[in-house]
PDB file of N, CA and C in Angstrom:
ATOM      1  N   MET A   1      -7.233  49.044 -28.961  1.00  0.00           N
ATOM      2  CA  MET A   1      -6.005  48.904 -29.810  1.00  0.00           C
ATOM      3  C   MET A   1      -5.146  50.662 -29.269  1.00  0.00           C
ATOM      4  N   MET A   2      -3.962  50.482 -28.831  1.00  0.00           N
ATOM      5  CA  MET A   2      -3.170  51.518 -28.364  1.00  0.00           C
ATOM      6  C   MET A   2      -2.941  53.031 -29.803  1.00  0.00           C
ATOM      7  N   GLN A   3      -2.720  52.340 -31.345  1.00  0.00           N
ATOM      8  CA  GLN A   3      -2.120  53.252 -31.935  1.00  0.00           C
ATOM      9  C   GLN A   3      -2.734  51.926 -33.168  1.00  0.00           C
ATOM     10  N   ASP A   4      -2.885  52.816 -34.149  1.00  0.00           N
ATOM     11  CA  ASP A   4      -3.517  52.479 -35.954  1.00  0.00           C
ATOM     12  C   ASP A   4      -1.898  52.072 -36.189  1.00  0.00           C
ATOM     13  N   TRP A   5      -1.530  50.906 -35.862  1.00  0.00           N
ATOM     14  CA  TRP A   5      -0.278  50.466 -36.833  1.00  0.00           C
ATOM     15  C   TRP A   5      -0.358  50.369 -38.027  1.00  0.00           C
ATOM     16  N   ASN A   6      -1.113  49.943 -38.953  1.00  0.00           N
ATOM     17  CA  ASN A   6      -1.343  50.084 -40.086  1.00  0.00           C
ATOM     18  C   ASN A   6      -1.019  51.312 -41.136  1.00  0.00           C
ATOM     19  N   THR A   7      -1.828  52.175 -40.424  1.00  0.00           N
ATOM     20  CA  THR A   7      -1.883  53.605 -41.167  1.00  0.00           C
ATOM     21  C   THR A   7      -0.722  54.300 -40.604  1.00  0.00           C
ATOM     22  N   GLN A   8       0.230  54.010 -39.127  1.00  0.00           N
ATOM     23  CA  GLN A   8       1.151  54.698 -39.156  1.00  0.00           C
ATOM     24  C   GLN A   8       2.696  54.217 -39.873  1.00  0.00           C
ATOM     25  N   ARG A   9       2.715  52.703 -39.862  1.00  0.00           N
ATOM     26  CA  ARG A   9       3.507  52.034 -41.001  1.00  0.00           C
ATOM     27  C   ARG A   9       3.602  52.802 -42.193  1.00  0.00           C
ATOM     28  N   ASN A  10       1.731  53.127 -43.045  1.00  0.00           N
ATOM     29  CA  ASN A  10       2.334  53.300 -44.319  1.00  0.00           C
ATOM     30  C   ASN A  10       2.603  54.595 -44.433  1.00  0.00           C
ATOM     31  N   ALA A  11       2.196  55.327 -43.198  1.00  0.00           N
ATOM     32  CA  ALA A  11       2.384  57.002 -43.372  1.00  0.00           C
ATOM     33  C   ALA A  11       4.274  57.036 -43.365  1.00  0.00           C
ATOM     34  N   LEU A  12       4.717  56.405 -42.287  1.00  0.00           N
ATOM     35  CA  LEU A  12       6.170  56.234 -41.915  1.00  0.00           C
ATOM     36  C   LEU A  12       6.624  56.220 -43.566  1.00  0.00           C
ATOM     37  N   LEU A  13       6.214  54.776 -44.615  1.00  0.00           N
ATOM     38  CA  LEU A  13       6.723  54.476 -46.004  1.00  0.00           C
ATOM     39  C   LEU A  13       6.810  55.235 -46.789  1.00  0.00           C
ATOM     40  N   GLY A  14       5.495  56.534 -46.185  1.00  0.00           N
ATOM     41  CA  GLY A  14       5.348  57.370 -47.565  1.00  0.00           C
ATOM     42  C   GLY A  14       6.351  58.192 -47.344  1.00  0.00           C
ATOM     43  N   ARG A  15       6.765  58.267 -45.993  1.00  0.00           N
ATOM     44  CA  ARG A  15       8.168  59.774 -45.550  1.00  0.00           C
ATOM     45  C   ARG A  15       8.969  59.327 -46.075  1.00  0.00           C
ATOM     46  N   VAL A  16       9.645  57.960 -45.923  1.00  0.00           N
ATOM     47  CA  VAL A  16      10.719  57.550 -46.285  1.00  0.00           C
ATOM     48  C   VAL A  16      11.147  57.947 -47.881  1.00  0.00           C
ATOM     49  N   ALA A  17      10.163  56.873 -48.520  1.00  0.00           N
ATOM     50  CA  ALA A  17      10.183  57.322 -50.182  1.00  0.00           C
ATOM     51  C   ALA A  17      10.760  59.151 -50.147  1.00  0.00           C
ATOM     52  N   GLU A  18       9.770  59.883 -49.491  1.00  0.00           N
ATOM     53  CA  GLU A  18      10.232  61.478 -49.842  1.00  0.00           C
ATOM     54  C   GLU A  18      11.354  61.655 -49.271  1.00  0.00           C
ATOM     55  N   TYR A  19      11.813  61.130 -48.308  1.00  0.00           N
ATOM     56  CA  TYR A  19      12.974  61.156 -47.659  1.00  0.00           C
ATOM     57  C   TYR A  19      14.111  60.950 -49.040  1.00  0.00           C
ATOM     58  N   ALA A  20      14.342  59.559 -49.473  1.00  0.00           N
ATOM     59  CA  ALA A  20      15.001  59.080 -50.357  1.00  0.00           C
ATOM     60  C   ALA A  20      14.752  59.934 -51.937  1.00  0.00           C
ATOM     61  N   LYS A  21      13.895  60.469 -52.211  1.00  0.00           N
ATOM     62  CA  LYS A  21      14.365  61.797 -53.060  1.00  0.00           C
ATOM     63  C   LYS A  21      15.227  62.654 -52.767  1.00  0.00           C
ATOM     64  N   LEU A  22      15.026  62.760 -51.374  1.00  0.00           N
ATOM     65  CA  LEU A  22      16.078  63.801 -50.995  1.00  0.00           C
ATOM     66  C   LEU A  22      17.843  63.710 -50.734  1.00  0.00           C
ATOM     67  N   SER A  23      17.849  62.037 -50.269  1.00  0.00           N
ATOM     68  CA  SER A  23      19.116  61.821 -49.944  1.00  0.00           C
ATOM     69  C   SER A  23      19.149  60.177 -50.359  1.00  0.00           C
ATOM     70  N   PRO A  24      19.006  60.212 -51.421  1.00  0.00           N
ATOM     71  CA  PRO A  24      18.936  58.675 -52.444  1.00  0.00           C
ATOM     72  C   PRO A  24      19.343  57.519 -51.586  1.00  0.00           C
ATOM     73  N   ASP A  25      21.332  58.412 -51.585  1.00  0.00           N
ATOM     74  CA  ASP A  25      22.212  57.527 -51.276  1.00  0.00           C
ATOM     75  C   ASP A  25      22.267  57.023 -49.680  1.00  0.00           C
ATOM     76  N   VAL A  26      21.610  57.822 -48.860  1.00  0.00           N
ATOM     77  CA  VAL A  26      21.563  57.214 -47.468  1.00  0.00           C
ATOM     78  C   VAL A  26      20.468  56.029 -47.385  1.00  0.00           C
ATOM     79  N   VAL A  27      19.510  56.188 -47.803  1.00  0.00           N
ATOM     80  CA  VAL A  27      18.332  55.290 -48.030  1.00  0.00           C
ATOM     81  C   VAL A  27      18.892  53.598 -48.559  1.00  0.00           C
ATOM     82  N   ARG A  28      19.641  53.716 -49.820  1.00  0.00           N
ATOM     83  CA  ARG A  28      20.202  52.881 -50.222  1.00  0.00           C
ATOM     84  C   ARG A  28      21.209  52.330 -49.369  1.00  0.00           C
ATOM     85  N   GLY A  29      21.732  53.057 -48.279  1.00  0.00           N
ATOM     86  CA  GLY A  29      22.825  52.784 -47.972  1.00  0.00           C
ATOM     87  C   GLY A  29      21.797  51.664 -46.510  1.00  0.00           C
ATOM     88  N   VAL A  30      21.263  52.461 -46.076  1.00  0.00           N
ATOM     89  CA  VAL A  30      19.902  51.487 -45.270  1.00  0.00           C
ATOM     90  C   VAL A  30      19.672  49.846 -45.661  1.00  0.00           C
ATOM     91  N   GLY A  31      19.214  50.526 -46.903  1.00  0.00           N
ATOM     92  CA  GLY A  31      18.980  49.080 -47.629  1.00  0.00           C
ATOM     93  C   GLY A  31      20.093  47.946 -47.757  1.00  0.00           C
ATOM     94  N   MET A  32      21.227  48.528 -47.962  1.00  0.00           N
ATOM     95  CA  MET A  32      22.305  47.986 -48.565  1.00  0.00           C
ATOM     96  C   MET A  32      22.412  47.145 -47.075  1.00  0.00           C
ATOM     97  N   MET A  33      22.586  47.594 -46.077  1.00  0.00           N
ATOM     98  CA  MET A  33      22.673  46.958 -44.884  1.00  0.00           C
ATOM     99  C   MET A  33      21.733  46.170 -44.383  1.00  0.00           C
ATOM    100  N   ASP A  34      20.895  46.413 -44.798  1.00  0.00           N
ATOM    101  CA  ASP A  34      19.710  45.467 -44.310  1.00  0.00           C
ATOM    102  C   ASP A  34      19.702  43.994 -45.201  1.00  0.00           C
ATOM    103  N   ALA A  35      20.167  44.512 -46.331  1.00  0.00           N
ATOM    104  CA  ALA A  35      20.211  42.826 -47.527  1.00  0.00           C
ATOM    105  C   ALA A  35      21.478  42.257 -46.969  1.00  0.00           C
ATOM    106  N   ALA A  36      22.557  43.128 -46.317  1.00  0.00           N
ATOM    107  CA  ALA A  36      23.549  42.318 -46.218  1.00  0.00           C
ATOM    108  C   ALA A  36      23.450  41.246 -45.191  1.00  0.00           C
ATOM    109  N   ALA A  37      22.897  42.277 -43.970  1.00  0.00           N
ATOM    110  CA  ALA A  37      22.250  41.264 -42.755  1.00  0.00           C
ATOM    111  C   ALA A  37      21.397  39.780 -43.144  1.00  0.00           C
ATOM    112  N   VAL A  38      20.999  39.850 -44.089  1.00  0.00           N
ATOM    113  CA  VAL A  38      20.510  38.420 -44.149  1.00  0.00           C
ATOM    114  C   VAL A  38      20.899  37.599 -45.614  1.00  0.00           C
ATOM    115  N   LYS A  39      22.441  38.308 -45.908  1.00  0.00           N
ATOM    116  CA  LYS A  39      22.484  37.333 -47.434  1.00  0.00           C
ATOM    117  C   LYS A  39      23.069  36.436 -47.185  1.00  0.00           C
ATOM    118  N   THR A  40      23.690  35.890 -45.339  1.00  0.00           N
ATOM    119  CA  THR A  40      24.485  34.728 -45.678  1.00  0.00           C
ATOM    120  C   THR A  40      23.370  33.089 -45.635  1.00  0.00           C
ATOM    121  N   GLY A  41      21.915  33.859 -45.108  1.00  0.00           N
ATOM    122  CA  GLY A  41      21.679  32.657 -45.421  1.00  0.00           C
ATOM    123  C   GLY A  41      20.876  31.832 -44.413  1.00  0.00           C
ATOM    124  N   ARG A  42      21.869  32.132 -43.234  1.00  0.00           N
ATOM    125  CA  ARG A  42      22.309  30.744 -41.789  1.00  0.00           C
ATOM    126  C   ARG A  42      20.731  31.297 -41.199  1.00  0.00           C
ATOM    127  N   LEU A  43      20.452  32.573 -40.970  1.00  0.00           N
ATOM    128  CA  LEU A  43      18.865  32.095 -39.940  1.00  0.00           C
ATOM    129  C   LEU A  43      18.077  31.949 -40.741  1.00  0.00           C
ATOM    130  N   GLU A  44      16.641  31.715 -40.595  1.00  0.00           N
ATOM    131  CA  GLU A  44      15.494  31.659 -41.566  1.00  0.00           C
ATOM    132  C   GLU A  44      14.875  33.547 -41.519  1.00  0.00           C
ATOM    133  N   PRO A  45      14.580  33.273 -42.586  1.00  0.00           N
ATOM    134  CA  PRO A  45      14.150  35.307 -42.128  1.00  0.00           C
ATOM    135  C   PRO A  45      12.857  34.972 -41.191  1.00  0.00           C
ATOM    136  N   LYS A  46      12.044  34.466 -40.870  1.00  0.00           N
ATOM    137  CA  LYS A  46      11.315  34.347 -39.919  1.00  0.00           C
ATOM    138  C   LYS A  46      12.041  34.909 -38.594  1.00  0.00           C
ATOM    139  N   ILE A  47      13.422  34.461 -38.029  1.00  0.00           N
ATOM    140  CA  ILE A  47      14.035  34.734 -36.805  1.00  0.00           C
ATOM    141  C   ILE A  47      14.555  36.016 -37.375  1.00  0.00           C
ATOM    142  N   HIS A  48      15.018  36.880 -38.213  1.00  0.00           N
ATOM    143  CA  HIS A  48      15.496  37.639 -38.841  1.00  0.00           C
ATOM    144  C   HIS A  48      14.608  39.121 -37.952  1.00  0.00           C
ATOM    145  N   GLU A  49      13.133  38.668 -38.410  1.00  0.00           N
ATOM    146  CA  GLU A  49      12.376  39.563 -37.741  1.00  0.00           C
ATOM    147  C   GLU A  49      11.972  39.571 -36.460  1.00  0.00           C
ATOM    148  N   LEU A  50      12.166  38.218 -36.404  1.00  0.00           N
ATOM    149  CA  LEU A  50      12.091  38.073 -34.408  1.00  0.00           C
ATOM    150  C   LEU A  50      13.358  38.898 -33.869  1.00  0.00           C
ATOM    151  N   ILE A  51      14.137  38.901 -34.099  1.00  0.00           N
ATOM    152  CA  ILE A  51      15.578  39.655 -33.338  1.00  0.00           C
ATOM    153  C   ILE A  51      15.191  40.927 -34.079  1.00  0.00           C
ATOM    154  N   ALA A  52      14.710  41.445 -35.171  1.00  0.00           N
ATOM    155  CA  ALA A  52      14.398  43.171 -35.496  1.00  0.00           C
ATOM    156  C   ALA A  52      13.531  43.620 -34.398  1.00  0.00           C
ATOM    157  N   LEU A  53      12.527  42.526 -33.787  1.00  0.00           N
ATOM    158  CA  LEU A  53      10.978  43.044 -33.262  1.00  0.00           C
ATOM    159  C   LEU A  53      11.886  43.229 -31.839  1.00  0.00           C
ATOM    160  N   ALA A  54      12.818  42.326 -30.969  1.00  0.00           N
ATOM    161  CA  ALA A  54      13.440  42.271 -29.841  1.00  0.00           C
ATOM    162  C   ALA A  54      14.373  43.825 -30.125  1.00  0.00           C
ATOM    163  N   VAL A  55      15.488  44.138 -30.771  1.00  0.00           N
ATOM    164  CA  VAL A  55      15.933  45.227 -31.360  1.00  0.00           C
ATOM    165  C   VAL A  55      14.762  46.260 -31.143  1.00  0.00           C
ATOM    166  N   ALA A  56      14.231  46.474 -32.002  1.00  0.00           N
ATOM    167  CA  ALA A  56      12.803  47.540 -31.939  1.00  0.00           C
ATOM    168  C   ALA A  56      12.465  47.687 -30.411  1.00  0.00           C
ATOM    169  N   VAL A  57      12.326  46.794 -29.889  1.00  0.00           N
ATOM    170  CA  VAL A  57      11.305  46.970 -28.864  1.00  0.00           C
ATOM    171  C   VAL A  57      12.574  48.203 -27.605  1.00  0.00           C
ATOM    172  N   THR A  58      13.794  47.310 -27.818  1.00  0.00           N
ATOM    173  CA  THR A  58      15.141  48.166 -26.887  1.00  0.00           C
ATOM    174  C   THR A  58      15.271  49.457 -26.816  1.00  0.00           C
ATOM    175  N   THR A  59      14.827  49.292 -28.792  1.00  0.00           N
ATOM    176  CA  THR A  59      15.476  50.924 -29.144  1.00  0.00           C
ATOM    177  C   THR A  59      14.316  52.002 -28.944  1.00  0.00           C
ATOM    178  N   ARG A  60      13.114  51.156 -28.669  1.00  0.00           N
ATOM    179  CA  ARG A  60      11.844  52.359 -28.963  1.00  0.00           C
ATOM    180  C   ARG A  60      11.624  52.904 -30.283  1.00  0.00           C
ATOM    181  N   CYS A  61      11.477  52.337 -30.784  1.00  0.00           N
ATOM    182  CA  CYS A  61      11.402  52.702 -32.467  1.00  0.00           C
ATOM    183  C   CYS A  61       9.946  51.927 -33.343  1.00  0.00           C
ATOM    184  N   ASP A  62       9.028  52.714 -32.672  1.00  0.00           N
ATOM    185  CA  ASP A  62       7.522  52.622 -32.982  1.00  0.00           C
ATOM    186  C   ASP A  62       7.619  52.167 -34.920  1.00  0.00           C
ATOM    187  N   GLY A  63       8.405  52.935 -35.785  1.00  0.00           N
ATOM    188  CA  GLY A  63       8.662  52.855 -36.671  1.00  0.00           C
ATOM    189  C   GLY A  63       8.750  51.275 -36.969  1.00  0.00           C
ATOM    190  N   CYS A  64      10.085  50.788 -36.401  1.00  0.00           N
ATOM    191  CA  CYS A  64      10.442  49.321 -36.586  1.00  0.00           C
ATOM    192  C   CYS A  64       9.488  48.167 -36.500  1.00  0.00           C
ATOM    193  N   ILE A  65       8.712  48.390 -35.143  1.00  0.00           N
ATOM    194  CA  ILE A  65       8.189  47.816 -34.495  1.00  0.00           C
ATOM    195  C   ILE A  65       6.409  47.584 -35.660  1.00  0.00           C
ATOM    196  N   ALA A  66       5.962  49.227 -36.467  1.00  0.00           N
ATOM    197  CA  ALA A  66       5.175  48.536 -37.350  1.00  0.00           C
ATOM    198  C   ALA A  66       5.469  47.782 -38.617  1.00  0.00           C
ATOM    199  N   VAL A  67       7.299  48.049 -39.086  1.00  0.00           N
ATOM    200  CA  VAL A  67       7.293  47.326 -40.475  1.00  0.00           C
ATOM    201  C   VAL A  67       7.504  45.672 -39.968  1.00  0.00           C
ATOM    202  N   HIS A  68       8.252  45.964 -38.919  1.00  0.00           N
ATOM    203  CA  HIS A  68       8.624  44.720 -38.369  1.00  0.00           C
ATOM    204  C   HIS A  68       7.859  43.437 -38.051  1.00  0.00           C
ATOM    205  N   THR A  69       6.733  43.790 -37.342  1.00  0.00           N
ATOM    206  CA  THR A  69       5.875  43.043 -37.115  1.00  0.00           C
ATOM    207  C   THR A  69       5.174  42.323 -38.398  1.00  0.00           C
ATOM    208  N   ARG A  70       5.005  43.354 -39.405  1.00  0.00           N
ATOM    209  CA  ARG A  70       3.999  43.003 -40.864  1.00  0.00           C
ATOM    210  C   ARG A  70       4.963  41.908 -40.863  1.00  0.00           C
ATOM    211  N   ASN A  71       6.199  42.439 -41.186  1.00  0.00           N
ATOM    212  CA  ASN A  71       6.871  41.439 -41.767  1.00  0.00           C
ATOM    213  C   ASN A  71       7.057  39.671 -41.007  1.00  0.00           C
ATOM    214  N   ALA A  72       7.240  40.041 -39.728  1.00  0.00           N
ATOM    215  CA  ALA A  72       7.133  38.655 -39.032  1.00  0.00           C
ATOM    216  C   ALA A  72       6.189  38.068 -39.174  1.00  0.00           C
ATOM    217  N   VAL A  73       4.798  38.935 -39.206  1.00  0.00           N
ATOM    218  CA  VAL A  73       3.718  38.127 -39.543  1.00  0.00           C
ATOM    219  C   VAL A  73       3.488  37.174 -40.967  1.00  0.00           C
ATOM    220  N   THR A  74       3.909  38.223 -41.946  1.00  0.00           N
ATOM    221  CA  THR A  74       4.292  37.919 -43.149  1.00  0.00           C
ATOM    222  C   THR A  74       5.407  36.567 -43.510  1.00  0.00           C
ATOM    223  N   LYS A  75       6.298  36.313 -42.632  1.00  0.00           N
ATOM    224  CA  LYS A  75       7.200  35.775 -42.741  1.00  0.00           C
ATOM    225  C   LYS A  75       6.685  34.044 -41.865  1.00  0.00           C
ATOM    226  N   GLY A  76       5.465  34.397 -41.108  1.00  0.00           N
ATOM    227  CA  GLY A  76       5.123  32.954 -40.402  1.00  0.00           C
ATOM    228  C   GLY A  76       5.341  33.284 -38.843  1.00  0.00           C
ATOM    229  N   ALA A  77       5.624  34.292 -38.543  1.00  0.00           N
ATOM    230  CA  ALA A  77       6.124  34.545 -36.893  1.00  0.00           C
ATOM    231  C   ALA A  77       4.285  34.084 -36.466  1.00  0.00           C
ATOM    232  N   THR A  78       4.167  33.422 -35.590  1.00  0.00           N
ATOM    233  CA  THR A  78       2.933  33.602 -34.721  1.00  0.00           C
ATOM    234  C   THR A  78       3.495  34.749 -33.382  1.00  0.00           C
ATOM    235  N   ARG A  79       1.927  34.907 -32.668  1.00  0.00           N
ATOM    236  CA  ARG A  79       2.000  36.031 -31.481  1.00  0.00           C
ATOM    237  C   ARG A  79       2.927  34.928 -30.327  1.00  0.00           C
ATOM    238  N   GLU A  80       2.841  33.980 -30.268  1.00  0.00           N
ATOM    239  CA  GLU A  80       3.364  33.177 -29.299  1.00  0.00           C
ATOM    240  C   GLU A  80       4.677  33.332 -29.206  1.00  0.00           C
ATOM    241  N   GLU A  81       5.237  33.212 -30.986  1.00  0.00           N
ATOM    242  CA  GLU A  81       6.592  33.121 -31.054  1.00  0.00           C
ATOM    243  C   GLU A  81       7.417  34.821 -30.833  1.00  0.00           C
ATOM    244  N   ILE A  82       6.358  35.510 -31.291  1.00  0.00           N
ATOM    245  CA  ILE A  82       6.621  36.892 -31.108  1.00  0.00           C
ATOM    246  C   ILE A  82       7.144  37.636 -29.744  1.00  0.00           C
ATOM    247  N   ALA A  83       6.021  36.683 -28.596  1.00  0.00           N
ATOM    248  CA  ALA A  83       6.039  36.963 -27.505  1.00  0.00           C
ATOM    249  C   ALA A  83       7.321  36.736 -26.517  1.00  0.00           C
ATOM    250  N   GLU A  84       7.635  35.441 -26.898  1.00  0.00           N
ATOM    251  CA  GLU A  84       8.945  35.090 -26.854  1.00  0.00           C
ATOM    252  C   GLU A  84      10.013  35.758 -26.714  1.00  0.00           C
ATOM    253  N   ALA A  85      10.283  36.403 -28.230  1.00  0.00           N
ATOM    254  CA  ALA A  85      11.179  37.227 -28.552  1.00  0.00           C
ATOM    255  C   ALA A  85      11.325  38.651 -27.955  1.00  0.00           C
ATOM    256  N   LEU A  86      10.128  38.971 -27.484  1.00  0.00           N
ATOM    257  CA  LEU A  86       9.981  39.955 -26.783  1.00  0.00           C
ATOM    258  C   LEU A  86      10.334  39.959 -25.069  1.00  0.00           C
ATOM    259  N   GLY A  87      10.071  38.698 -24.910  1.00  0.00           N
ATOM    260  CA  GLY A  87      10.403  38.371 -23.482  1.00  0.00           C
ATOM    261  C   GLY A  87      11.865  38.451 -23.604  1.00  0.00           C
ATOM    262  N   VAL A  88      12.889  38.104 -24.782  1.00  0.00           N
ATOM    263  CA  VAL A  88      13.863  38.113 -24.365  1.00  0.00           C
ATOM    264  C   VAL A  88      14.951  39.592 -24.486  1.00  0.00           C
ATOM    265  N   ALA A  89      14.156  40.473 -24.753  1.00  0.00           N
ATOM    266  CA  ALA A  89      14.181  41.783 -24.964  1.00  0.00           C
ATOM    267  C   ALA A  89      13.988  42.238 -23.644  1.00  0.00           C
ATOM    268  N   ILE A  90      12.735  42.131 -23.094  1.00  0.00           N
ATOM    269  CA  ILE A  90      12.809  42.947 -21.431  1.00  0.00           C
ATOM    270  C   ILE A  90      13.333  42.125 -20.534  1.00  0.00           C
ATOM    271  N   ALA A  91      14.062  40.969 -20.583  1.00  0.00           N
ATOM    272  CA  ALA A  91      14.629  40.436 -20.093  1.00  0.00           C
ATOM    273  C   ALA A  91      15.889  41.180 -20.341  1.00  0.00           C
ATOM    274  N   LEU A  92      16.387  41.675 -21.418  1.00  0.00           N
ATOM    275  CA  LEU A  92      17.882  42.208 -22.130  1.00  0.00           C
ATOM    276  C   LEU A  92      17.586  43.581 -21.110  1.00  0.00           C
ATOM    277  N   ASN A  93      16.831  44.515 -21.219  1.00  0.00           N
ATOM    278  CA  ASN A  93      16.666  45.541 -20.490  1.00  0.00           C
ATOM    279  C   ASN A  93      16.878  45.668 -19.002  1.00  0.00           C
ATOM    280  N   ALA A  94      16.319  44.976 -18.829  1.00  0.00           N
ATOM    281  CA  ALA A  94      16.302  44.581 -17.456  1.00  0.00           C
ATOM    282  C   ALA A  94      17.948  44.322 -16.540  1.00  0.00           C
ATOM    283  N   GLY A  95      18.743  43.456 -17.664  1.00  0.00           N
ATOM    284  CA  GLY A  95      19.720  43.086 -17.525  1.00  0.00           C
ATOM    285  C   GLY A  95      20.764  44.367 -17.566  1.00  0.00           C
ATOM    286  N   ALA A  96      20.259  45.304 -18.938  1.00  0.00           N
ATOM    287  CA  ALA A  96      20.926  46.566 -18.893  1.00  0.00           C
ATOM    288  C   ALA A  96      20.950  47.243 -17.664  1.00  0.00           C
ATOM    289  N   ALA A  97      19.402  47.522 -17.615  1.00  0.00           N
ATOM    290  CA  ALA A  97      19.800  48.393 -15.951  1.00  0.00           C
ATOM    291  C   ALA A  97      20.302  47.964 -15.220  1.00  0.00           C
ATOM    292  N   LEU A  98      20.453  46.699 -15.069  1.00  0.00           N
ATOM    293  CA  LEU A  98      21.012  46.460 -13.384  1.00  0.00           C
ATOM    294  C   LEU A  98      22.825  46.629 -14.015  1.00  0.00           C
ATOM    295  N   THR A  99      23.116  46.518 -15.439  1.00  0.00           N
ATOM    296  CA  THR A  99      24.682  46.887 -15.070  1.00  0.00           C
ATOM    297  C   THR A  99      24.864  48.154 -14.980  1.00  0.00           C
ATOM    298  N   TYR A 100      23.744  49.012 -15.640  1.00  0.00           N
ATOM    299  CA  TYR A 100      24.482  50.388 -15.603  1.00  0.00           C
ATOM    300  C   TYR A 100      23.729  50.844 -14.085  1.00  0.00           C
ATOM    301  N   THR A 101      23.342  50.299 -13.169  1.00  0.00           N
ATOM    302  CA  THR A 101      23.253  50.424 -12.023  1.00  0.00           C
ATOM    303  C   THR A 101      24.707  50.323 -11.649  1.00  0.00           C
ATOM    304  N   ALA A 102      25.432  48.992 -11.715  1.00  0.00           N
ATOM    305  CA  ALA A 102      26.759  48.977 -11.044  1.00  0.00           C
ATOM    306  C   ALA A 102      27.464  50.169 -12.011  1.00  0.00           C
ATOM    307  N   ARG A 103      27.335  50.613 -13.054  1.00  0.00           N
ATOM    308  CA  ARG A 103      28.161  51.864 -13.301  1.00  0.00           C
ATOM    309  C   ARG A 103      28.289  53.330 -12.209  1.00  0.00           C
ATOM    310  N   VAL A 104      26.734  53.206 -12.132  1.00  0.00           N
ATOM    311  CA  VAL A 104      26.610  54.392 -11.546  1.00  0.00           C
ATOM    312  C   VAL A 104      27.022  54.117 -10.120  1.00  0.00           C
ATOM    313  N   LEU A 105      27.050  52.881  -9.523  1.00  0.00           N
ATOM    314  CA  LEU A 105      27.926  52.827  -8.043  1.00  0.00           C
ATOM    315  C   LEU A 105      29.511  53.011  -8.331  1.00  0.00           C
ATOM    316  N   ASP A 106      30.121  52.343  -9.116  1.00  0.00           N
ATOM    317  CA  ASP A 106      30.934  52.703  -9.499  1.00  0.00           C
ATOM    318  C   ASP A 106      31.631  54.179  -9.915  1.00  0.00           C
ATOM    319  N   ALA A 107      30.915  54.786 -10.275  1.00  0.00           N
ATOM    320  CA  ALA A 107      31.040  56.371 -10.737  1.00  0.00           C
ATOM    321  C   ALA A 107      30.727  57.377  -9.477  1.00  0.00           C
ATOM    322  N   HIS A 108      29.823  56.853  -8.346  1.00  0.00           N
ATOM    323  CA  HIS A 108      29.625  56.801  -7.323  1.00  0.00           C
ATOM    324  C   HIS A 108      30.790  57.325  -6.303  1.00  0.00           C
ATOM    325  N   ASP A 109      31.024  55.275  -6.046  1.00  0.00           N
ATOM    326  CA  ASP A 109      32.895  55.541  -5.835  1.00  0.00           C
ATOM    327  C   ASP A 109      33.986  56.497  -6.201  1.00  0.00           C
ATOM    328  N   ALA A 110      34.106  56.573  -7.190  1.00  0.00           N
ATOM    329  CA  ALA A 110      35.003  57.473  -8.016  1.00  0.00           C
ATOM    330  C   ALA A 110      35.309  58.753  -7.170  1.00  0.00           C
ATOM    331  N   LEU A 111      33.769  59.250  -7.223  1.00  0.00           N
ATOM    332  CA  LEU A 111      33.618  60.626  -6.709  1.00  0.00           C
ATOM    333  C   LEU A 111      34.164  60.871  -5.638  1.00  0.00           C
ATOM    334  N   THR A 112      33.739  59.529  -4.571  1.00  0.00           N
ATOM    335  CA  THR A 112      33.860  59.673  -2.915  1.00  0.00           C
ATOM    336  C   THR A 112      34.902  58.939  -2.083  1.00  0.00           C
ATOM    337  N   ASN A 113      35.746  58.420  -3.326  1.00  0.00           N
ATOM    338  CA  ASN A 113      36.547  57.529  -2.784  1.00  0.00           C
ATOM    339  C   ASN A 113      36.092  56.314  -1.946  1.00  0.00           C
ATOM    340  N   ASN A 114      35.026  56.056  -2.189  1.00  0.00           N
ATOM    341  CA  ASN A 114      34.984  54.494  -1.113  1.00  0.00           C
ATOM    342  C   ASN A 114      35.290  53.519  -1.823  1.00  0.00           C
TER     343      ASN A 114
END
């Protein structure tokens, strides 16, 4: 195992609870955004967690990975479903790199008037 995800998740949630005492409105605001994202109920909860995992990978958020992996499993996501969602994240990251490569070439051309 690369990391102890259960320990990391529990430590993170403990620190978030400490932060909530210092800045309750910020933590409450994050909770409100999370609740608003699922409020319509158009997507099943498992799908929300699969999306969250894909975003967690693209934003490189270990805490998000720890929390949303547990949530996804709790909502019934299989290892294969998680792998498919992460395949989308991997493809998007490659696509983003390709898009930004085009931007670099554009910036180069703007500097050299090519």
